[in-house]
Structure formats: C-alpha cells, structure tokens
Amino acid sequence: MKRVGTAILALAIGLAGCARGPEPRQLKEQLRRELPLGTPSSQVEAYLTAKGWRHSYLPDERSYLAGINNVGPRFSFTREDIAIRIDMDKGGRVTAISVTPFFTYHGR
C-alpha cells in the first residue's frame, strides 16, 4: 500500500509541474515556420483566429498583438502568459515576429 501511495504522490507532483501551453521558444519557431516573412495580413488574421487566440491589429504600429493565457504549470504562485507581436510592412506583409513570456504573481 505504501508503494501505491508513493506512486500516486509522484504522479500528482509530476502533473502539477506540467505546462498547459506551448513553450515560448517552440512557439516562436512554429510561428516563423507557419507565418514566414512576407506572409500577407489576411493569412495572419486567419491564422490567429483559427488558433482561437485573442488578438488585435494596431494600425499606427502596423502590428498584430496576440496573447495566450495560462501556459505555465497549474499549481504555481505565478501565472505564465505569452505575448505575441507580428510586425507588418506598409504593404501588409510580415516583417518580424516576437514572442515574450510574462509572469504574474498570484501568491497568497
């Protein structure tokens, strides 16, 4: 019985540390692969919508901003989110993609 309890505890600890979303580095590679430089804004808009990510286009900056919430471990004192910025040129084509993780403290 002690082994079963130890195994369950080890599984619970392992699951508590599992991330719920993509790693920022992997996400950046994925975005650069799926939205290469020169991709038109219509495809960027469709891609972000299909992923279900909240996003906005900032015309003054010619950039899309998107966010993915709660990508870190379930049981943590911080919440991890990811901010995505996709810069466009004057012709409406991708020129750069940046992915930035950020953390919010939720301790008691």
PDB file of N, CA and C in Angstrom:
ATOM      1  N   MET A   1       0.818  -1.194   0.000  1.00  0.00           N
ATOM      2  CA  MET A   1       0.000   0.000   0.000  1.00  0.00           C
ATOM      3  C   MET A   1       0.862   1.258   0.000  1.00  0.00           C
ATOM      4  N   LYS A   2       1.993   1.196   0.691  1.00  0.00           N
ATOM      5  CA  LYS A   2       2.870   2.362   0.747  1.00  0.00           C
ATOM      6  C   LYS A   2       3.398   2.706  -0.639  1.00  0.00           C
ATOM      7  N   ARG A   3       3.712   1.692  -1.451  1.00  0.00           N
ATOM      8  CA  ARG A   3       4.213   1.937  -2.812  1.00  0.00           C
ATOM      9  C   ARG A   3       3.163   2.621  -3.673  1.00  0.00           C
ATOM     10  N   VAL A   4       1.898   2.202  -3.528  1.00  0.00           N
ATOM     11  CA  VAL A   4       0.817   2.810  -4.305  1.00  0.00           C
ATOM     12  C   VAL A   4       0.686   4.287  -3.941  1.00  0.00           C
ATOM     13  N   GLY A   5       0.720   4.587  -2.635  1.00  0.00           N
ATOM     14  CA  GLY A   5       0.627   5.980  -2.191  1.00  0.00           C
ATOM     15  C   GLY A   5       1.786   6.807  -2.707  1.00  0.00           C
ATOM     16  N   THR A   6       2.991   6.246  -2.695  1.00  0.00           N
ATOM     17  CA  THR A   6       4.171   6.949  -3.198  1.00  0.00           C
ATOM     18  C   THR A   6       4.052   7.195  -4.699  1.00  0.00           C
ATOM     19  N   ALA A   7       3.552   6.210  -5.416  1.00  0.00           N
ATOM     20  CA  ALA A   7       3.389   6.350  -6.865  1.00  0.00           C
ATOM     21  C   ALA A   7       2.359   7.428  -7.200  1.00  0.00           C
ATOM     22  N   ILE A   8       1.265   7.451  -6.460  1.00  0.00           N
ATOM     23  CA  ILE A   8       0.231   8.462  -6.689  1.00  0.00           C
ATOM     24  C   ILE A   8       0.772   9.848  -6.376  1.00  0.00           C
ATOM     25  N   LEU A   9       1.520   9.982  -5.288  1.00  0.00           N
ATOM     26  CA  LEU A   9       2.117  11.264  -4.932  1.00  0.00           C
ATOM     27  C   LEU A   9       3.097  11.727  -6.007  1.00  0.00           C
ATOM     28  N   ALA A  10       3.921  10.826  -6.506  1.00  0.00           N
ATOM     29  CA  ALA A  10       4.885  11.173  -7.556  1.00  0.00           C
ATOM     30  C   ALA A  10       4.162  11.615  -8.824  1.00  0.00           C
ATOM     31  N   LEU A  11       3.083  10.940  -9.175  1.00  0.00           N
ATOM     32  CA  LEU A  11       2.301  11.313 -10.356  1.00  0.00           C
ATOM     33  C   LEU A  11       1.673  12.688 -10.167  1.00  0.00           C
ATOM     34  N   ALA A  12       1.121  12.940  -8.984  1.00  0.00           N
ATOM     35  CA  ALA A  12       0.492  14.237  -8.712  1.00  0.00           C
ATOM     36  C   ALA A  12       1.507  15.366  -8.791  1.00  0.00           C
ATOM     37  N   ILE A  13       2.698  15.152  -8.247  1.00  0.00           N
ATOM     38  CA  ILE A  13       3.741  16.172  -8.304  1.00  0.00           C
ATOM     39  C   ILE A  13       4.177  16.401  -9.743  1.00  0.00           C
ATOM     40  N   GLY A  14       4.306  15.334 -10.488  1.00  0.00           N
ATOM     41  CA  GLY A  14       4.689  15.454 -11.899  1.00  0.00           C
ATOM     42  C   GLY A  14       3.657  16.212 -12.709  1.00  0.00           C
ATOM     43  N   LEU A  15       2.376  15.929 -12.491  1.00  0.00           N
ATOM     44  CA  LEU A  15       1.317  16.629 -13.218  1.00  0.00           C
ATOM     45  C   LEU A  15       1.213  18.081 -12.807  1.00  0.00           C
ATOM     46  N   ALA A  16       1.480  18.372 -11.547  1.00  0.00           N
ATOM     47  CA  ALA A  16       1.402  19.756 -11.071  1.00  0.00           C
ATOM     48  C   ALA A  16       2.425  20.635 -11.772  1.00  0.00           C
ATOM     49  N   GLY A  17       3.552  20.081 -12.155  1.00  0.00           N
ATOM     50  CA  GLY A  17       4.593  20.854 -12.795  1.00  0.00           C
ATOM     51  C   GLY A  17       4.480  20.921 -14.304  1.00  0.00           C
ATOM     52  N   CYS A  18       3.513  20.219 -14.879  1.00  0.00           N
ATOM     53  CA  CYS A  18       3.372  20.189 -16.345  1.00  0.00           C
ATOM     54  C   CYS A  18       2.821  21.510 -16.859  1.00  0.00           C
ATOM     55  N   ALA A  19       3.415  21.989 -17.902  1.00  0.00           N
ATOM     56  CA  ALA A  19       2.927  23.209 -18.542  1.00  0.00           C
ATOM     57  C   ALA A  19       1.633  22.908 -19.277  1.00  0.00           C
ATOM     58  N   ARG A  20       0.761  23.923 -19.382  1.00  0.00           N
ATOM     59  CA  ARG A  20      -0.523  23.759 -20.055  1.00  0.00           C
ATOM     60  C   ARG A  20      -0.493  24.251 -21.485  1.00  0.00           C
ATOM     61  N   GLY A  21       0.534  24.959 -21.859  1.00  0.00           N
ATOM     62  CA  GLY A  21       0.576  25.527 -23.192  1.00  0.00           C
ATOM     63  C   GLY A  21       1.955  25.407 -23.791  1.00  0.00           C
ATOM     64  N   PRO A  22       2.149  26.058 -24.911  1.00  0.00           N
ATOM     65  CA  PRO A  22       3.432  25.949 -25.606  1.00  0.00           C
ATOM     66  C   PRO A  22       4.563  26.658 -24.868  1.00  0.00           C
ATOM     67  N   GLU A  23       5.762  26.187 -25.071  1.00  0.00           N
ATOM     68  CA  GLU A  23       6.958  26.872 -24.582  1.00  0.00           C
ATOM     69  C   GLU A  23       7.211  28.060 -25.520  1.00  0.00           C
ATOM     70  N   PRO A  24       7.596  29.217 -24.995  1.00  0.00           N
ATOM     71  CA  PRO A  24       7.806  30.389 -25.843  1.00  0.00           C
ATOM     72  C   PRO A  24       8.768  30.151 -27.012  1.00  0.00           C
ATOM     73  N   ARG A  25       9.877  29.471 -26.760  1.00  0.00           N
ATOM     74  CA  ARG A  25      10.853  29.220 -27.832  1.00  0.00           C
ATOM     75  C   ARG A  25      10.238  28.368 -28.941  1.00  0.00           C
ATOM     76  N   GLN A  26       9.508  27.321 -28.540  1.00  0.00           N
ATOM     77  CA  GLN A  26       8.869  26.447 -29.528  1.00  0.00           C
ATOM     78  C   GLN A  26       7.786  27.196 -30.300  1.00  0.00           C
ATOM     79  N   LEU A  27       7.048  28.050 -29.598  1.00  0.00           N
ATOM     80  CA  LEU A  27       6.001  28.824 -30.250  1.00  0.00           C
ATOM     81  C   LEU A  27       6.592  29.780 -31.281  1.00  0.00           C
ATOM     82  N   LYS A  28       7.708  30.413 -30.928  1.00  0.00           N
ATOM     83  CA  LYS A  28       8.356  31.337 -31.859  1.00  0.00           C
ATOM     84  C   LYS A  28       8.796  30.600 -33.127  1.00  0.00           C
ATOM     85  N   GLU A  29       9.371  29.419 -32.961  1.00  0.00           N
ATOM     86  CA  GLU A  29       9.789  28.616 -34.116  1.00  0.00           C
ATOM     87  C   GLU A  29       8.583  28.222 -34.962  1.00  0.00           C
ATOM     88  N   GLN A  30       7.499  27.831 -34.301  1.00  0.00           N
ATOM     89  CA  GLN A  30       6.282  27.447 -35.009  1.00  0.00           C
ATOM     90  C   GLN A  30       5.723  28.615 -35.812  1.00  0.00           C
ATOM     91  N   LEU A  31       5.632  29.784 -35.183  1.00  0.00           N
ATOM     92  CA  LEU A  31       5.103  30.960 -35.874  1.00  0.00           C
ATOM     93  C   LEU A  31       5.967  31.344 -37.069  1.00  0.00           C
ATOM     94  N   ARG A  32       7.265  31.300 -36.903  1.00  0.00           N
ATOM     95  CA  ARG A  32       8.157  31.649 -38.018  1.00  0.00           C
ATOM     96  C   ARG A  32       8.057  30.650 -39.162  1.00  0.00           C
ATOM     97  N   ARG A  33       7.754  29.407 -38.824  1.00  0.00           N
ATOM     98  CA  ARG A  33       7.599  28.367 -39.847  1.00  0.00           C
ATOM     99  C   ARG A  33       6.245  28.524 -40.571  1.00  0.00           C
ATOM    100  N   GLU A  34       5.184  28.787 -39.791  1.00  0.00           N
ATOM    101  CA  GLU A  34       3.837  28.832 -40.348  1.00  0.00           C
ATOM    102  C   GLU A  34       3.436  30.198 -40.895  1.00  0.00           C
ATOM    103  N   LEU A  35       4.129  31.258 -40.446  1.00  0.00           N
ATOM    104  CA  LEU A  35       3.895  32.614 -40.944  1.00  0.00           C
ATOM    105  C   LEU A  35       5.238  33.224 -41.349  1.00  0.00           C
ATOM    106  N   PRO A  36       5.858  32.708 -42.394  1.00  0.00           N
ATOM    107  CA  PRO A  36       7.186  33.207 -42.774  1.00  0.00           C
ATOM    108  C   PRO A  36       7.150  34.676 -43.201  1.00  0.00           C
ATOM    109  N   LEU A  37       8.318  35.290 -43.232  1.00  0.00           N
ATOM    110  CA  LEU A  37       8.414  36.677 -43.691  1.00  0.00           C
ATOM    111  C   LEU A  37       7.725  36.802 -45.036  1.00  0.00           C
ATOM    112  N   GLY A  38       6.959  37.875 -45.185  1.00  0.00           N
ATOM    113  CA  GLY A  38       6.242  38.102 -46.434  1.00  0.00           C
ATOM    114  C   GLY A  38       4.809  37.591 -46.444  1.00  0.00           C
ATOM    115  N   THR A  39       4.395  36.875 -45.394  1.00  0.00           N
ATOM    116  CA  THR A  39       3.018  36.386 -45.320  1.00  0.00           C
ATOM    117  C   THR A  39       2.065  37.577 -45.278  1.00  0.00           C
ATOM    118  N   PRO A  40       0.997  37.580 -46.101  1.00  0.00           N
ATOM    119  CA  PRO A  40       0.060  38.707 -46.099  1.00  0.00           C
ATOM    120  C   PRO A  40      -0.796  38.760 -44.825  1.00  0.00           C
ATOM    121  N   SER A  41      -1.250  39.953 -44.504  1.00  0.00           N
ATOM    122  CA  SER A  41      -2.012  40.175 -43.277  1.00  0.00           C
ATOM    123  C   SER A  41      -3.297  39.347 -43.232  1.00  0.00           C
ATOM    124  N   SER A  42      -3.910  39.084 -44.367  1.00  0.00           N
ATOM    125  CA  SER A  42      -5.132  38.276 -44.375  1.00  0.00           C
ATOM    126  C   SER A  42      -4.858  36.870 -43.841  1.00  0.00           C
ATOM    127  N   GLN A  43      -3.702  36.320 -44.169  1.00  0.00           N
ATOM    128  CA  GLN A  43      -3.343  34.994 -43.672  1.00  0.00           C
ATOM    129  C   GLN A  43      -2.992  35.043 -42.182  1.00  0.00           C
ATOM    130  N   VAL A  44      -2.355  36.119 -41.753  1.00  0.00           N
ATOM    131  CA  VAL A  44      -2.027  36.276 -40.325  1.00  0.00           C
ATOM    132  C   VAL A  44      -3.319  36.343 -39.521  1.00  0.00           C
ATOM    133  N   GLU A  45      -4.257  37.158 -39.969  1.00  0.00           N
ATOM    134  CA  GLU A  45      -5.560  37.301 -39.290  1.00  0.00           C
ATOM    135  C   GLU A  45      -6.278  35.952 -39.219  1.00  0.00           C
ATOM    136  N   ALA A  46      -6.311  35.234 -40.325  1.00  0.00           N
ATOM    137  CA  ALA A  46      -6.971  33.926 -40.365  1.00  0.00           C
ATOM    138  C   ALA A  46      -6.278  32.925 -39.430  1.00  0.00           C
ATOM    139  N   TYR A  47      -4.960  32.960 -39.399  1.00  0.00           N
ATOM    140  CA  TYR A  47      -4.184  32.053 -38.551  1.00  0.00           C
ATOM    141  C   TYR A  47      -4.486  32.302 -37.073  1.00  0.00           C
ATOM    142  N   LEU A  48      -4.416  33.565 -36.648  1.00  0.00           N
ATOM    143  CA  LEU A  48      -4.656  33.902 -35.250  1.00  0.00           C
ATOM    144  C   LEU A  48      -6.080  33.548 -34.834  1.00  0.00           C
ATOM    145  N   THR A  49      -7.036  33.784 -35.719  1.00  0.00           N
ATOM    146  CA  THR A  49      -8.432  33.450 -35.445  1.00  0.00           C
ATOM    147  C   THR A  49      -8.620  31.945 -35.336  1.00  0.00           C
ATOM    148  N   ALA A  50      -8.013  31.199 -36.250  1.00  0.00           N
ATOM    149  CA  ALA A  50      -8.130  29.737 -36.239  1.00  0.00           C
ATOM    150  C   ALA A  50      -7.548  29.137 -34.960  1.00  0.00           C
ATOM    151  N   LYS A  51      -6.491  29.745 -34.434  1.00  0.00           N
ATOM    152  CA  LYS A  51      -5.880  29.263 -33.196  1.00  0.00           C
ATOM    153  C   LYS A  51      -6.728  29.612 -31.974  1.00  0.00           C
ATOM    154  N   GLY A  52      -7.661  30.548 -32.136  1.00  0.00           N
ATOM    155  CA  GLY A  52      -8.502  30.958 -31.019  1.00  0.00           C
ATOM    156  C   GLY A  52      -7.818  31.913 -30.065  1.00  0.00           C
ATOM    157  N   TRP A  53      -6.748  32.549 -30.527  1.00  0.00           N
ATOM    158  CA  TRP A  53      -6.005  33.487 -29.692  1.00  0.00           C
ATOM    159  C   TRP A  53      -6.621  34.869 -29.812  1.00  0.00           C
ATOM    160  N   ARG A  54      -6.804  35.518 -28.671  1.00  0.00           N
ATOM    161  CA  ARG A  54      -7.294  36.896 -28.699  1.00  0.00           C
ATOM    162  C   ARG A  54      -6.220  37.759 -29.340  1.00  0.00           C
ATOM    163  N   HIS A  55      -6.624  38.607 -30.265  1.00  0.00           N
ATOM    164  CA  HIS A  55      -5.641  39.431 -30.963  1.00  0.00           C
ATOM    165  C   HIS A  55      -6.263  40.728 -31.443  1.00  0.00           C
ATOM    166  N   SER A  56      -5.387  41.671 -31.715  1.00  0.00           N
ATOM    167  CA  SER A  56      -5.795  42.972 -32.233  1.00  0.00           C
ATOM    168  C   SER A  56      -4.757  43.435 -33.229  1.00  0.00           C
ATOM    169  N   TYR A  57      -5.202  44.259 -34.156  1.00  0.00           N
ATOM    170  CA  TYR A  57      -4.272  44.886 -35.091  1.00  0.00           C
ATOM    171  C   TYR A  57      -4.140  46.351 -34.696  1.00  0.00           C
ATOM    172  N   LEU A  58      -2.904  46.815 -34.563  1.00  0.00           N
ATOM    173  CA  LEU A  58      -2.638  48.216 -34.228  1.00  0.00           C
ATOM    174  C   LEU A  58      -2.160  48.917 -35.495  1.00  0.00           C
ATOM    175  N   PRO A  59      -3.036  49.646 -36.178  1.00  0.00           N
ATOM    176  CA  PRO A  59      -2.662  50.238 -37.466  1.00  0.00           C
ATOM    177  C   PRO A  59      -1.518  51.252 -37.379  1.00  0.00           C
ATOM    178  N   ASP A  60      -1.445  52.023 -36.298  1.00  0.00           N
ATOM    179  CA  ASP A  60      -0.365  53.007 -36.174  1.00  0.00           C
ATOM    180  C   ASP A  60       1.005  52.344 -36.072  1.00  0.00           C
ATOM    181  N   GLU A  61       1.031  51.141 -35.514  1.00  0.00           N
ATOM    182  CA  GLU A  61       2.296  50.405 -35.364  1.00  0.00           C
ATOM    183  C   GLU A  61       2.462  49.331 -36.441  1.00  0.00           C
ATOM    184  N   ARG A  62       1.406  49.133 -37.234  1.00  0.00           N
ATOM    185  CA  ARG A  62       1.387  48.074 -38.253  1.00  0.00           C
ATOM    186  C   ARG A  62       1.792  46.735 -37.637  1.00  0.00           C
ATOM    187  N   SER A  63       1.131  46.384 -36.533  1.00  0.00           N
ATOM    188  CA  SER A  63       1.461  45.158 -35.806  1.00  0.00           C
ATOM    189  C   SER A  63       0.205  44.467 -35.294  1.00  0.00           C
ATOM    190  N   TYR A  64       0.262  43.147 -35.320  1.00  0.00           N
ATOM    191  CA  TYR A  64      -0.738  42.338 -34.638  1.00  0.00           C
ATOM    192  C   TYR A  64      -0.195  42.021 -33.254  1.00  0.00           C
ATOM    193  N   LEU A  65      -1.062  42.106 -32.254  1.00  0.00           N
ATOM    194  CA  LEU A  65      -0.719  41.677 -30.912  1.00  0.00           C
ATOM    195  C   LEU A  65      -1.676  40.558 -30.543  1.00  0.00           C
ATOM    196  N   ALA A  66      -1.132  39.482 -29.991  1.00  0.00           N
ATOM    197  CA  ALA A  66      -1.949  38.356 -29.567  1.00  0.00           C
ATOM    198  C   ALA A  66      -1.436  37.862 -28.228  1.00  0.00           C
ATOM    199  N   GLY A  67      -2.288  37.176 -27.513  1.00  0.00           N
ATOM    200  CA  GLY A  67      -1.891  36.641 -26.226  1.00  0.00           C
ATOM    201  C   GLY A  67      -2.417  35.238 -26.018  1.00  0.00           C
ATOM    202  N   ILE A  68      -1.608  34.449 -25.339  1.00  0.00           N
ATOM    203  CA  ILE A  68      -2.014  33.113 -24.934  1.00  0.00           C
ATOM    204  C   ILE A  68      -1.910  33.090 -23.417  1.00  0.00           C
ATOM    205  N   ASN A  69      -3.020  32.837 -22.748  1.00  0.00           N
ATOM    206  CA  ASN A  69      -3.067  32.890 -21.287  1.00  0.00           C
ATOM    207  C   ASN A  69      -2.865  31.525 -20.646  1.00  0.00           C
ATOM    208  N   ASN A  70      -2.306  31.564 -19.448  1.00  0.00           N
ATOM    209  CA  ASN A  70      -2.176  30.380 -18.596  1.00  0.00           C
ATOM    210  C   ASN A  70      -1.466  29.217 -19.278  1.00  0.00           C
ATOM    211  N   VAL A  71      -0.250  29.421 -19.700  1.00  0.00           N
ATOM    212  CA  VAL A  71       0.509  28.356 -20.355  1.00  0.00           C
ATOM    213  C   VAL A  71       1.442  27.616 -19.398  1.00  0.00           C
ATOM    214  N   GLY A  72       1.595  28.116 -18.201  1.00  0.00           N
ATOM    215  CA  GLY A  72       2.519  27.515 -17.238  1.00  0.00           C
ATOM    216  C   GLY A  72       1.880  26.398 -16.437  1.00  0.00           C
ATOM    217  N   PRO A  73       2.582  25.933 -15.403  1.00  0.00           N
ATOM    218  CA  PRO A  73       2.074  24.856 -14.552  1.00  0.00           C
ATOM    219  C   PRO A  73       0.764  25.238 -13.874  1.00  0.00           C
ATOM    220  N   ARG A  74      -0.067  24.256 -13.605  1.00  0.00           N
ATOM    221  CA  ARG A  74      -1.369  24.507 -12.977  1.00  0.00           C
ATOM    222  C   ARG A  74      -1.235  25.013 -11.542  1.00  0.00           C
ATOM    223  N   PHE A  75      -0.351  24.419 -10.779  1.00  0.00           N
ATOM    224  CA  PHE A  75      -0.230  24.756  -9.364  1.00  0.00           C
ATOM    225  C   PHE A  75       1.070  25.507  -9.141  1.00  0.00           C
ATOM    226  N   SER A  76       0.976  26.821  -9.211  1.00  0.00           N
ATOM    227  CA  SER A  76       2.148  27.667  -9.101  1.00  0.00           C
ATOM    228  C   SER A  76       1.722  28.989  -8.468  1.00  0.00           C
ATOM    229  N   PHE A  77       2.669  29.698  -7.890  1.00  0.00           N
ATOM    230  CA  PHE A  77       2.367  31.016  -7.337  1.00  0.00           C
ATOM    231  C   PHE A  77       2.366  32.097  -8.418  1.00  0.00           C
ATOM    232  N   THR A  78       2.753  31.731  -9.632  1.00  0.00           N
ATOM    233  CA  THR A  78       2.735  32.689 -10.729  1.00  0.00           C
ATOM    234  C   THR A  78       1.897  32.138 -11.870  1.00  0.00           C
ATOM    235  N   ARG A  79       1.335  33.029 -12.644  1.00  0.00           N
ATOM    236  CA  ARG A  79       0.617  32.655 -13.851  1.00  0.00           C
ATOM    237  C   ARG A  79       1.498  33.050 -15.016  1.00  0.00           C
ATOM    238  N   GLU A  80       1.700  32.152 -15.953  1.00  0.00           N
ATOM    239  CA  GLU A  80       2.529  32.446 -17.121  1.00  0.00           C
ATOM    240  C   GLU A  80       1.640  32.635 -18.346  1.00  0.00           C
ATOM    241  N   ASP A  81       1.856  33.743 -19.033  1.00  0.00           N
ATOM    242  CA  ASP A  81       1.171  34.059 -20.283  1.00  0.00           C
ATOM    243  C   ASP A  81       2.231  34.306 -21.351  1.00  0.00           C
ATOM    244  N   ILE A  82       1.800  34.337 -22.600  1.00  0.00           N
ATOM    245  CA  ILE A  82       2.721  34.627 -23.696  1.00  0.00           C
ATOM    246  C   ILE A  82       2.133  35.750 -24.550  1.00  0.00           C
ATOM    247  N   ALA A  83       2.943  36.754 -24.824  1.00  0.00           N
ATOM    248  CA  ALA A  83       2.559  37.841 -25.722  1.00  0.00           C
ATOM    249  C   ALA A  83       3.239  37.623 -27.073  1.00  0.00           C
ATOM    250  N   ILE A  84       2.477  37.808 -28.132  1.00  0.00           N
ATOM    251  CA  ILE A  84       2.984  37.645 -29.499  1.00  0.00           C
ATOM    252  C   ILE A  84       2.820  38.977 -30.223  1.00  0.00           C
ATOM    253  N   ARG A  85       3.856  39.375 -30.924  1.00  0.00           N
ATOM    254  CA  ARG A  85       3.797  40.583 -31.753  1.00  0.00           C
ATOM    255  C   ARG A  85       4.255  40.205 -33.150  1.00  0.00           C
ATOM    256  N   ILE A  86       3.432  40.545 -34.120  1.00  0.00           N
ATOM    257  CA  ILE A  86       3.757  40.271 -35.525  1.00  0.00           C
ATOM    258  C   ILE A  86       3.752  41.605 -36.254  1.00  0.00           C
ATOM    259  N   ASP A  87       4.931  42.050 -36.686  1.00  0.00           N
ATOM    260  CA  ASP A  87       5.077  43.334 -37.368  1.00  0.00           C
ATOM    261  C   ASP A  87       4.865  43.169 -38.860  1.00  0.00           C
ATOM    262  N   MET A  88       4.206  44.169 -39.445  1.00  0.00           N
ATOM    263  CA  MET A  88       3.888  44.149 -40.863  1.00  0.00           C
ATOM    264  C   MET A  88       4.540  45.341 -41.552  1.00  0.00           C
ATOM    265  N   ASP A  89       4.832  45.207 -42.843  1.00  0.00           N
ATOM    266  CA  ASP A  89       5.352  46.350 -43.598  1.00  0.00           C
ATOM    267  C   ASP A  89       4.189  47.176 -44.145  1.00  0.00           C
ATOM    268  N   LYS A  90       4.492  48.241 -44.882  1.00  0.00           N
ATOM    269  CA  LYS A  90       3.446  49.113 -45.421  1.00  0.00           C
ATOM    270  C   LYS A  90       2.535  48.378 -46.394  1.00  0.00           C
ATOM    271  N   GLY A  91       3.038  47.333 -47.006  1.00  0.00           N
ATOM    272  CA  GLY A  91       2.244  46.532 -47.931  1.00  0.00           C
ATOM    273  C   GLY A  91       1.415  45.460 -47.254  1.00  0.00           C
ATOM    274  N   GLY A  92       1.494  45.353 -45.917  1.00  0.00           N
ATOM    275  CA  GLY A  92       0.700  44.387 -45.179  1.00  0.00           C
ATOM    276  C   GLY A  92       1.273  42.981 -45.170  1.00  0.00           C
ATOM    277  N   ARG A  93       2.608  42.893 -45.143  1.00  0.00           N
ATOM    278  CA  ARG A  93       3.263  41.585 -45.106  1.00  0.00           C
ATOM    279  C   ARG A  93       4.161  41.485 -43.871  1.00  0.00           C
ATOM    280  N   VAL A  94       4.298  40.267 -43.348  1.00  0.00           N
ATOM    281  CA  VAL A  94       5.069  40.027 -42.125  1.00  0.00           C
ATOM    282  C   VAL A  94       6.537  40.415 -42.319  1.00  0.00           C
ATOM    283  N   THR A  95       7.051  41.195 -41.355  1.00  0.00           N
ATOM    284  CA  THR A  95       8.475  41.558 -41.361  1.00  0.00           C
ATOM    285  C   THR A  95       9.221  40.999 -40.146  1.00  0.00           C
ATOM    286  N   ALA A  96       8.493  40.747 -39.039  1.00  0.00           N
ATOM    287  CA  ALA A  96       9.146  40.236 -37.826  1.00  0.00           C
ATOM    288  C   ALA A  96       8.102  39.633 -36.896  1.00  0.00           C
ATOM    289  N   ILE A  97       8.546  38.660 -36.104  1.00  0.00           N
ATOM    290  CA  ILE A  97       7.684  38.026 -35.100  1.00  0.00           C
ATOM    291  C   ILE A  97       8.461  37.953 -33.791  1.00  0.00           C
ATOM    292  N   SER A  98       7.814  38.381 -32.715  1.00  0.00           N
ATOM    293  CA  SER A  98       8.447  38.244 -31.404  1.00  0.00           C
ATOM    294  C   SER A  98       7.466  37.565 -30.451  1.00  0.00           C
ATOM    295  N   VAL A  99       8.028  36.769 -29.564  1.00  0.00           N
ATOM    296  CA  VAL A  99       7.255  36.022 -28.572  1.00  0.00           C
ATOM    297  C   VAL A  99       7.880  36.310 -27.210  1.00  0.00           C
ATOM    298  N   THR A 100       7.059  36.793 -26.274  1.00  0.00           N
ATOM    299  CA  THR A 100       7.566  37.186 -24.964  1.00  0.00           C
ATOM    300  C   THR A 100       6.740  36.544 -23.854  1.00  0.00           C
ATOM    301  N   PRO A 101       7.368  35.724 -23.014  1.00  0.00           N
ATOM    302  CA  PRO A 101       6.654  35.194 -21.859  1.00  0.00           C
ATOM    303  C   PRO A 101       6.595  36.255 -20.762  1.00  0.00           C
ATOM    304  N   PHE A 102       5.527  36.255 -19.992  1.00  0.00           N
ATOM    305  CA  PHE A 102       5.492  37.125 -18.814  1.00  0.00           C
ATOM    306  C   PHE A 102       4.714  36.430 -17.706  1.00  0.00           C
ATOM    307  N   PHE A 103       5.041  36.820 -16.484  1.00  0.00           N
ATOM    308  CA  PHE A 103       4.550  36.139 -15.301  1.00  0.00           C
ATOM    309  C   PHE A 103       3.829  37.114 -14.400  1.00  0.00           C
ATOM    310  N   THR A 104       2.756  36.641 -13.776  1.00  0.00           N
ATOM    311  CA  THR A 104       2.001  37.427 -12.806  1.00  0.00           C
ATOM    312  C   THR A 104       1.986  36.653 -11.496  1.00  0.00           C
ATOM    313  N   TYR A 105       2.377  37.298 -10.409  1.00  0.00           N
ATOM    314  CA  TYR A 105       2.430  36.644  -9.101  1.00  0.00           C
ATOM    315  C   TYR A 105       1.019  36.515  -8.535  1.00  0.00           C
ATOM    316  N   HIS A 106       0.669  35.313  -8.098  1.00  0.00           N
ATOM    317  CA  HIS A 106      -0.637  35.052  -7.514  1.00  0.00           C
ATOM    318  C   HIS A 106      -0.527  34.440  -6.130  1.00  0.00           C
ATOM    319  N   GLY A 107       0.520  34.745  -5.409  1.00  0.00           N
ATOM    320  CA  GLY A 107       0.703  34.187  -4.057  1.00  0.00           C
ATOM    321  C   GLY A 107      -0.305  34.736  -3.083  1.00  0.00           C
ATOM    322  N   ARG A 108      -0.460  34.047  -2.036  1.00  0.00           N
ATOM    323  CA  ARG A 108      -1.415  34.479  -1.004  1.00  0.00           C
ATOM    324  C   ARG A 108      -0.685  35.154   0.128  1.00  0.00           C
TER     325      ARG A 108
END
